[in-house]
C-alpha atoms as a PDB file:
ATOM      1  CA  MET A   1      87.218 102.181  75.859  1.00  0.00           C
ATOM      2  CA  ILE A   2      90.088 101.854  73.898  1.00  0.00           C
ATOM      3  CA  ASP A   3      93.603 101.071  74.722  1.00  0.00           C
ATOM      4  CA  LEU A   4      96.357 102.020  71.657  1.00  0.00           C
ATOM      5  CA  HIS A   5      99.414 101.222  73.722  1.00  0.00           C
ATOM      6  CA  VAL A   6     100.400  97.476  75.045  1.00  0.00           C
ATOM      7  CA  HIS A   7     103.389  95.126  75.203  1.00  0.00           C
ATOM      8  CA  THR A   8     103.528  91.114  75.123  1.00  0.00           C
ATOM      9  CA  TRP A   9     106.504  88.917  75.373  1.00  0.00           C
ATOM     10  CA  ARG A  10     107.917  89.734  71.936  1.00  0.00           C
ATOM     11  CA  CYS A  11     109.700  93.104  73.298  1.00  0.00           C
ATOM     12  CA  ARG A  12     111.219  90.959  75.853  1.00  0.00           C
ATOM     13  CA  HIS A  13     110.536  93.020  79.192  1.00  0.00           C
ATOM     14  CA  ALA A  14     106.955  92.340  79.044  1.00  0.00           C
ATOM     15  CA  VAL A  15     104.890  89.083  79.640  1.00  0.00           C
ATOM     16  CA  GLY A  16     101.691  87.546  77.655  1.00  0.00           C
ATOM     17  CA  THR A  17     101.042  86.550  74.531  1.00  0.00           C
ATOM     18  CA  VAL A  18      98.946  88.462  71.773  1.00  0.00           C
ATOM     19  CA  ALA A  19      95.884  86.631  72.523  1.00  0.00           C
ATOM     20  CA  GLU A  20      95.914  86.647  76.567  1.00  0.00           C
ATOM     21  CA  TYR A  21      95.729  90.734  75.896  1.00  0.00           C
ATOM     22  CA  VAL A  22      92.661  90.465  73.058  1.00  0.00           C
ATOM     23  CA  ALA A  23      91.015  87.909  75.952  1.00  0.00           C
ATOM     24  CA  THR A  24      91.667  90.773  78.838  1.00  0.00           C
ATOM     25  CA  ALA A  25      90.335  93.625  76.580  1.00  0.00           C
ATOM     26  CA  ALA A  26      87.435  91.401  75.824  1.00  0.00           C
ATOM     27  CA  GLU A  27      86.765  90.942  79.610  1.00  0.00           C
ATOM     28  CA  ARG A  28      87.307  94.482  80.201  1.00  0.00           C
ATOM     29  CA  GLY A  29      84.721  95.671  77.720  1.00  0.00           C
ATOM     30  CA  ILE A  30      87.526  97.233  75.597  1.00  0.00           C
ATOM     31  CA  ASP A  31      86.465  98.257  72.534  1.00  0.00           C
ATOM     32  CA  THR A  32      89.361  98.922  70.454  1.00  0.00           C
ATOM     33  CA  ILE A  33      93.304  97.366  71.468  1.00  0.00           C
ATOM     34  CA  ALA A  34      96.285  98.229  69.735  1.00  0.00           C
ATOM     35  CA  LEU A  35      99.210  95.650  69.935  1.00  0.00           C
ATOM     36  CA  THR A  36     101.963  97.747  69.704  1.00  0.00           C
ATOM     37  CA  ASP A  37     105.492  96.153  70.719  1.00  0.00           C
ATOM     38  CA  HIS A  38     108.643  97.864  70.015  1.00  0.00           C
ATOM     39  CA  LEU A  39     109.993  98.211  66.662  1.00  0.00           C
ATOM     40  CA  PRO A  40     113.590  96.292  66.487  1.00  0.00           C
ATOM     41  CA  LEU A  41     116.332  98.453  67.396  1.00  0.00           C
ATOM     42  CA  SER A  42     119.358  99.398  65.209  1.00  0.00           C
ATOM     43  CA  PRO A  43     122.149  97.123  64.764  1.00  0.00           C
ATOM     44  CA  GLU A  44     124.276 100.198  65.287  1.00  0.00           C
ATOM     45  CA  LEU A  45     123.088 100.863  68.461  1.00  0.00           C
ATOM     46  CA  VAL A  46     123.002  96.829  69.722  1.00  0.00           C
ATOM     47  CA  ALA A  47     125.986  96.829  68.657  1.00  0.00           C
ATOM     48  CA  ARG A  48     127.262  99.844  70.731  1.00  0.00           C
ATOM     49  CA  ASP A  49     125.638  98.432  73.961  1.00  0.00           C
ATOM     50  CA  PRO A  50     124.339  94.927  73.172  1.00  0.00           C
ATOM     51  CA  GLU A  51     122.426  95.249  76.609  1.00  0.00           C
ATOM     52  CA  VAL A  52     119.801  97.040  74.711  1.00  0.00           C
ATOM     53  CA  ALA A  53     118.617  94.349  72.809  1.00  0.00           C
ATOM     54  CA  ARG A  54     116.392  93.472  75.298  1.00  0.00           C
ATOM     55  CA  TYR A  55     114.431  96.451  75.018  1.00  0.00           C
ATOM     56  CA  ALA A  56     112.905  95.382  71.573  1.00  0.00           C
ATOM     57  CA  MET A  57     111.830  92.247  70.043  1.00  0.00           C
ATOM     58  CA  PRO A  58     114.627  91.013  67.691  1.00  0.00           C
ATOM     59  CA  ALA A  59     114.486  92.076  63.754  1.00  0.00           C
ATOM     60  CA  ASP A  60     113.918  88.510  62.675  1.00  0.00           C
ATOM     61  CA  GLU A  61     110.679  88.301  64.819  1.00  0.00           C
ATOM     62  CA  LEU A  62     108.729  91.430  63.247  1.00  0.00           C
ATOM     63  CA  PRO A  63     107.161  89.401  60.509  1.00  0.00           C
ATOM     64  CA  GLU A  64     105.822  86.651  62.896  1.00  0.00           C
ATOM     65  CA  TYR A  65     104.883  89.493  65.338  1.00  0.00           C
ATOM     66  CA  VAL A  66     102.600  90.942  62.502  1.00  0.00           C
ATOM     67  CA  ASP A  67     101.120  88.008  61.087  1.00  0.00           C
ATOM     68  CA  GLU A  68     100.292  87.223  64.952  1.00  0.00           C
ATOM     69  CA  VAL A  69      98.252  90.452  65.440  1.00  0.00           C
ATOM     70  CA  ILE A  70      96.553  90.012  61.948  1.00  0.00           C
ATOM     71  CA  ALA A  71      95.605  86.677  62.629  1.00  0.00           C
ATOM     72  CA  ALA A  72      94.006  88.105  66.503  1.00  0.00           C
ATOM     73  CA  ARG A  73      92.048  90.824  64.591  1.00  0.00           C
ATOM     74  CA  GLU A  74      90.498  88.318  62.188  1.00  0.00           C
ATOM     75  CA  SER A  75      89.671  85.704  64.851  1.00  0.00           C
ATOM     76  CA  ALA A  76      88.588  88.688  67.263  1.00  0.00           C
ATOM     77  CA  ARG A  77      86.010  90.170  64.247  1.00  0.00           C
ATOM     78  CA  ALA A  78      84.491  86.716  64.464  1.00  0.00           C
ATOM     79  CA  MET A  79      84.117  86.295  67.621  1.00  0.00           C
ATOM     80  CA  GLY A  80      82.222  89.368  68.156  1.00  0.00           C
ATOM     81  CA  GLY A  81      85.294  90.393  70.380  1.00  0.00           C
ATOM     82  CA  PRO A  82      87.435  93.904  70.314  1.00  0.00           C
ATOM     83  CA  GLU A  83      88.758  95.807  67.764  1.00  0.00           C
ATOM     84  CA  VAL A  84      92.260  94.554  67.192  1.00  0.00           C
ATOM     85  CA  LEU A  85      94.597  97.164  65.610  1.00  0.00           C
ATOM     86  CA  LEU A  86      98.122  96.413  64.265  1.00  0.00           C
ATOM     87  CA  GLY A  87     100.917  99.003  66.125  1.00  0.00           C
ATOM     88  CA  ILE A  88     104.141  99.270  67.048  1.00  0.00           C
ATOM     89  CA  GLU A  89     106.256 101.298  68.947  1.00  0.00           C
ATOM     90  CA  ALA A  90     108.930 102.801  67.430  1.00  0.00           C
ATOM     91  CA  ASP A  91     112.433 104.680  69.308  1.00  0.00           C
ATOM     92  CA  VAL A  92     112.730 107.644  66.727  1.00  0.00           C
ATOM     93  CA  TYR A  93     116.101 109.474  67.521  1.00  0.00           C
ATOM     94  CA  PRO A  94     118.488 111.586  65.914  1.00  0.00           C
ATOM     95  CA  GLY A  95     120.271 109.451  63.099  1.00  0.00           C
ATOM     96  CA  ASN A  96     118.259 106.793  63.445  1.00  0.00           C
ATOM     97  CA  GLU A  97     115.399 108.051  61.077  1.00  0.00           C
ATOM     98  CA  GLU A  98     115.860 106.234  58.300  1.00  0.00           C
ATOM     99  CA  PHE A  99     116.385 103.081  59.909  1.00  0.00           C
ATOM    100  CA  VAL A 100     112.933 103.265  61.015  1.00  0.00           C
ATOM    101  CA  ARG A 101     111.218 104.279  57.916  1.00  0.00           C
ATOM    102  CA  ALA A 102     112.835 101.313  56.141  1.00  0.00           C
ATOM    103  CA  LEU A 103     111.162  99.136  59.006  1.00  0.00           C
ATOM    104  CA  LEU A 104     107.774 100.955  59.021  1.00  0.00           C
ATOM    105  CA  SER A 105     107.784 100.193  54.827  1.00  0.00           C
ATOM    106  CA  GLU A 106     107.569  96.758  54.940  1.00  0.00           C
ATOM    107  CA  HIS A 107     104.340  96.195  56.779  1.00  0.00           C
ATOM    108  CA  PRO A 108     100.403  97.746  57.041  1.00  0.00           C
ATOM    109  CA  PHE A 109     100.910  99.517  60.268  1.00  0.00           C
ATOM    110  CA  ASP A 110      97.124 100.730  61.718  1.00  0.00           C
ATOM    111  CA  VAL A 111      99.466 102.899  64.367  1.00  0.00           C
ATOM    112  CA  VAL A 112     102.764 104.234  64.845  1.00  0.00           C
ATOM    113  CA  LEU A 113     103.524 105.429  68.499  1.00  0.00           C
ATOM    114  CA  GLY A 114     107.246 107.420  68.370  1.00  0.00           C
ATOM    115  CA  SER A 115     109.081 107.404  71.354  1.00  0.00           C
ATOM    116  CA  VAL A 116     112.427 108.528  72.944  1.00  0.00           C
ATOM    117  CA  HIS A 117     114.254 106.196  75.199  1.00  0.00           C
ATOM    118  CA  PHE A 118     117.755 107.047  74.474  1.00  0.00           C
ATOM    119  CA  VAL A 119     119.638 110.218  74.743  1.00  0.00           C
ATOM    120  CA  ASP A 120     123.111 109.458  72.910  1.00  0.00           C
ATOM    121  CA  GLY A 121     122.966 106.248  74.061  1.00  0.00           C
ATOM    122  CA  TRP A 122     121.807 106.339  77.538  1.00  0.00           C
ATOM    123  CA  ALA A 123     118.557 104.332  78.379  1.00  0.00           C
ATOM    124  CA  PHE A 124     117.390 107.254  80.680  1.00  0.00           C
ATOM    125  CA  ASP A 125     114.243 105.520  81.656  1.00  0.00           C
ATOM    126  CA  ASP A 126     115.810 102.344  82.569  1.00  0.00           C
ATOM    127  CA  PRO A 127     115.982 101.627  86.122  1.00  0.00           C
ATOM    128  CA  ASP A 128     118.991  99.765  86.305  1.00  0.00           C
ATOM    129  CA  ARG A 129     120.722 102.501  84.769  1.00  0.00           C
ATOM    130  CA  ARG A 130     119.576 105.478  86.833  1.00  0.00           C
ATOM    131  CA  GLU A 131     123.054 106.673  87.667  1.00  0.00           C
ATOM    132  CA  GLY A 132     123.389 108.432  84.500  1.00  0.00           C
ATOM    133  CA  TYR A 133     120.886 111.083  85.724  1.00  0.00           C
ATOM    134  CA  ALA A 134     124.221 112.241  87.971  1.00  0.00           C
ATOM    135  CA  SER A 135     126.210 113.399  84.840  1.00  0.00           C
ATOM    136  CA  TRP A 136     123.347 115.686  83.752  1.00  0.00           C
ATOM    137  CA  ASP A 137     121.726 118.900  84.774  1.00  0.00           C
ATOM    138  CA  VAL A 138     118.210 118.414  85.061  1.00  0.00           C
ATOM    139  CA  ARG A 139     117.007 121.188  82.825  1.00  0.00           C
ATOM    140  CA  ALA A 140     119.212 120.282  80.627  1.00  0.00           C
ATOM    141  CA  LEU A 141     118.798 116.674  80.155  1.00  0.00           C
ATOM    142  CA  TRP A 142     114.651 117.950  80.018  1.00  0.00           C
ATOM    143  CA  GLU A 143     115.430 120.458  76.943  1.00  0.00           C
ATOM    144  CA  ARG A 144     117.629 117.919  75.112  1.00  0.00           C
ATOM    145  CA  TYR A 145     114.957 114.967  75.377  1.00  0.00           C
ATOM    146  CA  PHE A 146     112.134 117.376  74.381  1.00  0.00           C
ATOM    147  CA  GLY A 147     114.214 118.695  71.432  1.00  0.00           C
ATOM    148  CA  ASP A 148     115.024 115.061  70.127  1.00  0.00           C
ATOM    149  CA  LEU A 149     111.134 114.396  71.101  1.00  0.00           C
ATOM    150  CA  VAL A 150     109.788 117.188  68.639  1.00  0.00           C
ATOM    151  CA  SER A 151     112.141 115.750  66.349  1.00  0.00           C
ATOM    152  CA  ALA A 152     110.651 112.596  66.134  1.00  0.00           C
ATOM    153  CA  ALA A 153     107.494 114.093  65.725  1.00  0.00           C
ATOM    154  CA  ARG A 154     108.845 116.441  63.017  1.00  0.00           C
ATOM    155  CA  SER A 155     110.024 113.205  61.530  1.00  0.00           C
ATOM    156  CA  GLY A 156     106.602 112.227  59.934  1.00  0.00           C
ATOM    157  CA  LEU A 157     107.369 108.579  61.247  1.00  0.00           C
ATOM    158  CA  ALA A 158     104.839 108.713  63.701  1.00  0.00           C
ATOM    159  CA  ASP A 159     100.769 109.156  64.107  1.00  0.00           C
ATOM    160  CA  VAL A 160     101.334 109.295  68.236  1.00  0.00           C
ATOM    161  CA  ILE A 161     104.281 110.671  70.650  1.00  0.00           C
ATOM    162  CA  GLY A 162     104.085 108.119  73.204  1.00  0.00           C
ATOM    163  CA  HIS A 163     104.914 108.658  77.094  1.00  0.00           C
ATOM    164  CA  ALA A 164     105.846 112.357  76.332  1.00  0.00           C
ATOM    165  CA  ASP A 165     107.212 113.654  79.580  1.00  0.00           C
ATOM    166  CA  LEU A 166     109.104 109.952  80.376  1.00  0.00           C
ATOM    167  CA  VAL A 167     111.882 111.833  81.256  1.00  0.00           C
ATOM    168  CA  LYS A 168     110.545 112.727  84.638  1.00  0.00           C
ATOM    169  CA  LYS A 169     109.852 109.040  85.273  1.00  0.00           C
ATOM    170  CA  PHE A 170     112.217 108.929  88.500  1.00  0.00           C
ATOM    171  CA  GLY A 171     111.405 111.780  89.400  1.00  0.00           C
ATOM    172  CA  TYR A 172     114.501 114.019  88.299  1.00  0.00           C
ATOM    173  CA  VAL A 173     112.289 117.586  87.465  1.00  0.00           C
ATOM    174  CA  PRO A 174     113.728 121.010  87.020  1.00  0.00           C
ATOM    175  CA  GLU A 175     112.772 123.449  89.159  1.00  0.00           C
ATOM    176  CA  GLY A 176     110.508 127.126  88.050  1.00  0.00           C
ATOM    177  CA  ASP A 177     107.904 127.187  85.663  1.00  0.00           C
ATOM    178  CA  LEU A 178     108.193 124.560  82.951  1.00  0.00           C
ATOM    179  CA  MET A 179     104.940 126.095  80.868  1.00  0.00           C
ATOM    180  CA  PRO A 180     106.756 127.974  78.640  1.00  0.00           C
ATOM    181  CA  LEU A 181     108.742 124.952  77.790  1.00  0.00           C
ATOM    182  CA  PHE A 182     104.944 122.617  77.628  1.00  0.00           C
ATOM    183  CA  ARG A 183     103.273 125.449  75.037  1.00  0.00           C
ATOM    184  CA  GLU A 184     106.943 125.414  72.837  1.00  0.00           C
ATOM    185  CA  VAL A 185     106.627 121.208  72.566  1.00  0.00           C
ATOM    186  CA  ALA A 186     102.790 121.494  72.443  1.00  0.00           C
ATOM    187  CA  ASP A 187     103.330 124.147  69.416  1.00  0.00           C
ATOM    188  CA  ALA A 188     105.529 121.638  67.946  1.00  0.00           C
ATOM    189  CA  PHE A 189     103.179 119.014  68.109  1.00  0.00           C
ATOM    190  CA  ALA A 190     100.577 120.753  66.441  1.00  0.00           C
ATOM    191  CA  GLN A 191     102.630 121.907  63.564  1.00  0.00           C
ATOM    192  CA  ALA A 192     103.980 118.241  62.880  1.00  0.00           C
ATOM    193  CA  GLY A 193     100.352 117.417  62.591  1.00  0.00           C
ATOM    194  CA  VAL A 194     100.946 114.215  65.714  1.00  0.00           C
ATOM    195  CA  ALA A 195      98.675 113.154  68.493  1.00  0.00           C
ATOM    196  CA  VAL A 196      99.811 112.237  71.976  1.00  0.00           C
ATOM    197  CA  GLU A 197      98.816 109.267  74.144  1.00  0.00           C
ATOM    198  CA  VAL A 198      97.735 110.070  77.908  1.00  0.00           C
ATOM    199  CA  ASN A 199     100.005 107.019  78.848  1.00  0.00           C
ATOM    200  CA  THR A 200      98.888 105.810  82.655  1.00  0.00           C
ATOM    201  CA  ALA A 201     101.982 103.718  82.791  1.00  0.00           C
ATOM    202  CA  GLY A 202     103.209 106.834  84.835  1.00  0.00           C
ATOM    203  CA  LEU A 203     100.669 106.218  87.665  1.00  0.00           C
ATOM    204  CA  ARG A 204     102.686 102.796  88.545  1.00  0.00           C
ATOM    205  CA  LYS A 205     105.976 104.672  88.030  1.00  0.00           C
ATOM    206  CA  PRO A 206     108.083 106.563  90.820  1.00  0.00           C
ATOM    207  CA  CYS A 207     106.834 109.588  89.228  1.00  0.00           C
ATOM    208  CA  ALA A 208     103.284 108.516  90.470  1.00  0.00           C
ATOM    209  CA  GLU A 209     101.018 110.502  87.954  1.00  0.00           C
ATOM    210  CA  LEU A 210     100.117 110.136  84.240  1.00  0.00           C
ATOM    211  CA  TYR A 211     102.156 110.920  81.051  1.00  0.00           C
ATOM    212  CA  PRO A 212     101.797 114.032  80.276  1.00  0.00           C
ATOM    213  CA  SER A 213     101.188 116.026  83.512  1.00  0.00           C
ATOM    214  CA  ALA A 214      97.908 118.117  83.517  1.00  0.00           C
ATOM    215  CA  PRO A 215      99.627 121.244  82.538  1.00  0.00           C
ATOM    216  CA  PHE A 216     101.360 119.798  79.683  1.00  0.00           C
ATOM    217  CA  LEU A 217      97.670 118.303  78.616  1.00  0.00           C
ATOM    218  CA  VAL A 218      96.651 121.809  79.379  1.00  0.00           C
ATOM    219  CA  ALA A 219      99.142 123.245  76.714  1.00  0.00           C
ATOM    220  CA  LEU A 220      98.350 120.247  74.076  1.00  0.00           C
ATOM    221  CA  ASN A 221      95.085 121.234  74.279  1.00  0.00           C
ATOM    222  CA  ARG A 222      95.587 124.830  73.521  1.00  0.00           C
ATOM    223  CA  ALA A 223      97.603 123.821  71.073  1.00  0.00           C
ATOM    224  CA  GLY A 224      94.900 122.159  69.286  1.00  0.00           C
ATOM    225  CA  VAL A 225      97.134 118.705  69.439  1.00  0.00           C
ATOM    226  CA  PRO A 226      94.581 115.387  69.350  1.00  0.00           C
ATOM    227  CA  VAL A 227      94.993 112.813  72.038  1.00  0.00           C
ATOM    228  CA  THR A 228      94.233 108.953  72.948  1.00  0.00           C
ATOM    229  CA  ILE A 229      94.821 107.061  75.935  1.00  0.00           C
ATOM    230  CA  GLY A 230      97.264 104.128  76.130  1.00  0.00           C
ATOM    231  CA  SER A 231      97.708 101.743  79.522  1.00  0.00           C
ATOM    232  CA  ASP A 232     101.411 100.717  77.903  1.00  0.00           C
ATOM    233  CA  ALA A 233     100.710  97.313  79.607  1.00  0.00           C
ATOM    234  CA  HIS A 234     103.709  95.144  80.133  1.00  0.00           C
ATOM    235  CA  ALA A 235     101.642  92.218  81.165  1.00  0.00           C
ATOM    236  CA  PRO A 236      97.692  91.093  80.439  1.00  0.00           C
ATOM    237  CA  VAL A 237      96.256  92.030  84.011  1.00  0.00           C
ATOM    238  CA  GLU A 238      97.941  96.041  82.997  1.00  0.00           C
ATOM    239  CA  VAL A 239      95.390  96.332  80.099  1.00  0.00           C
ATOM    240  CA  GLY A 240      92.829  99.431  80.483  1.00  0.00           C
ATOM    241  CA  SER A 241      94.617 100.593  83.485  1.00  0.00           C
ATOM    242  CA  ALA A 242      93.420 103.841  85.040  1.00  0.00           C
ATOM    243  CA  TYR A 243      91.317 104.455  82.289  1.00  0.00           C
ATOM    244  CA  GLU A 244      89.269 106.577  83.979  1.00  0.00           C
ATOM    245  CA  GLU A 245      92.078 108.722  85.833  1.00  0.00           C
ATOM    246  CA  ALA A 246      92.712 109.388  81.956  1.00  0.00           C
ATOM    247  CA  ARG A 247      89.582 110.051  80.844  1.00  0.00           C
ATOM    248  CA  ASP A 248      89.213 112.436  83.856  1.00  0.00           C
ATOM    249  CA  ALA A 249      92.603 114.618  83.093  1.00  0.00           C
ATOM    250  CA  LEU A 250      91.502 114.957  79.802  1.00  0.00           C
ATOM    251  CA  ARG A 251      87.884 116.085  80.781  1.00  0.00           C
ATOM    252  CA  ASP A 252      89.834 118.687  83.051  1.00  0.00           C
ATOM    253  CA  ALA A 253      92.569 120.084  80.382  1.00  0.00           C
ATOM    254  CA  GLY A 254      89.585 120.674  78.124  1.00  0.00           C
ATOM    255  CA  TYR A 255      89.309 117.525  75.797  1.00  0.00           C
ATOM    256  CA  ARG A 256      85.840 115.947  74.164  1.00  0.00           C
ATOM    257  CA  SER A 257      87.301 113.912  72.037  1.00  0.00           C
ATOM    258  CA  LEU A 258      90.047 110.806  71.752  1.00  0.00           C
ATOM    259  CA  VAL A 259      91.421 109.885  67.856  1.00  0.00           C
ATOM    260  CA  VAL A 260      92.284 106.134  67.055  1.00  0.00           C
ATOM    261  CA  PHE A 261      94.665 105.086  64.228  1.00  0.00           C
ATOM    262  CA  ARG A 262      93.295 102.717  61.330  1.00  0.00           C
ATOM    263  CA  SER A 263      95.662 102.044  58.280  1.00  0.00           C
ATOM    264  CA  ARG A 264      97.752 105.366  59.866  1.00  0.00           C
ATOM    265  CA  GLN A 265      94.203 107.420  59.722  1.00  0.00           C
ATOM    266  CA  ALA A 266      93.368 109.213  62.688  1.00  0.00           C
ATOM    267  CA  GLU A 267      89.087 108.770  63.179  1.00  0.00           C
ATOM    268  CA  GLU A 268      87.700 111.233  65.696  1.00  0.00           C
ATOM    269  CA  VAL A 269      85.368 109.471  68.973  1.00  0.00           C
ATOM    270  CA  PRO A 270      83.918 110.856  71.810  1.00  0.00           C
ATOM    271  CA  LEU A 271      85.385 111.206  75.113  1.00  0.00           C
END
């Protein structure tokens, strides 16, 4: 079992320490866990909207986080525990690429998740900001979101695209056939050389389904996009959550293997 997406208290909207996550992974038979707290947000974004500071760790804590995960890796290895990977989740949106690139270059990450949580500075997945959906035509929002996500993939900053259809979180889904959009995005991901995670947190949200959806997963498989699995845990109790459901969805979509990243290099493992 693997879980390549978990968050600790450092991201300011989760609970639990690195040690607690690693201990829970050991208890649940998880072979590999990646700690992936949120990369600090750009000073420009925080200056424009100070409230977003609660979405990520402060910049001065990033070196402490890196050291803590590396220490946990060595401790787990010595005790025969799970493999611990140093990961990070980076918000990659148009105009933010160089800020992200500079921070990533400073640390020896194993895996970088690239995500889009903001559209024009609006944190669309924040339950306290749902009123923003009233300003959008749903299809136009989806097209904008996926356009930004493709740009994130093409930036070369991310190894894995996180919760690829996060825009559906609160159940705002366009009417009509979405497969043309999914195929277009899947082809772009394949060309960019990124993987996509099957993120089980969607099952715990109003949309009540995995990220990405079953049809999107089929499109990704047909395009040859590799996949991995993450719980997006925000508490130790969520580590490895719904792993079986993710595995079954991947098999149904035609997948037979996953990828794990070490030192930013993908290694294929059987599903």
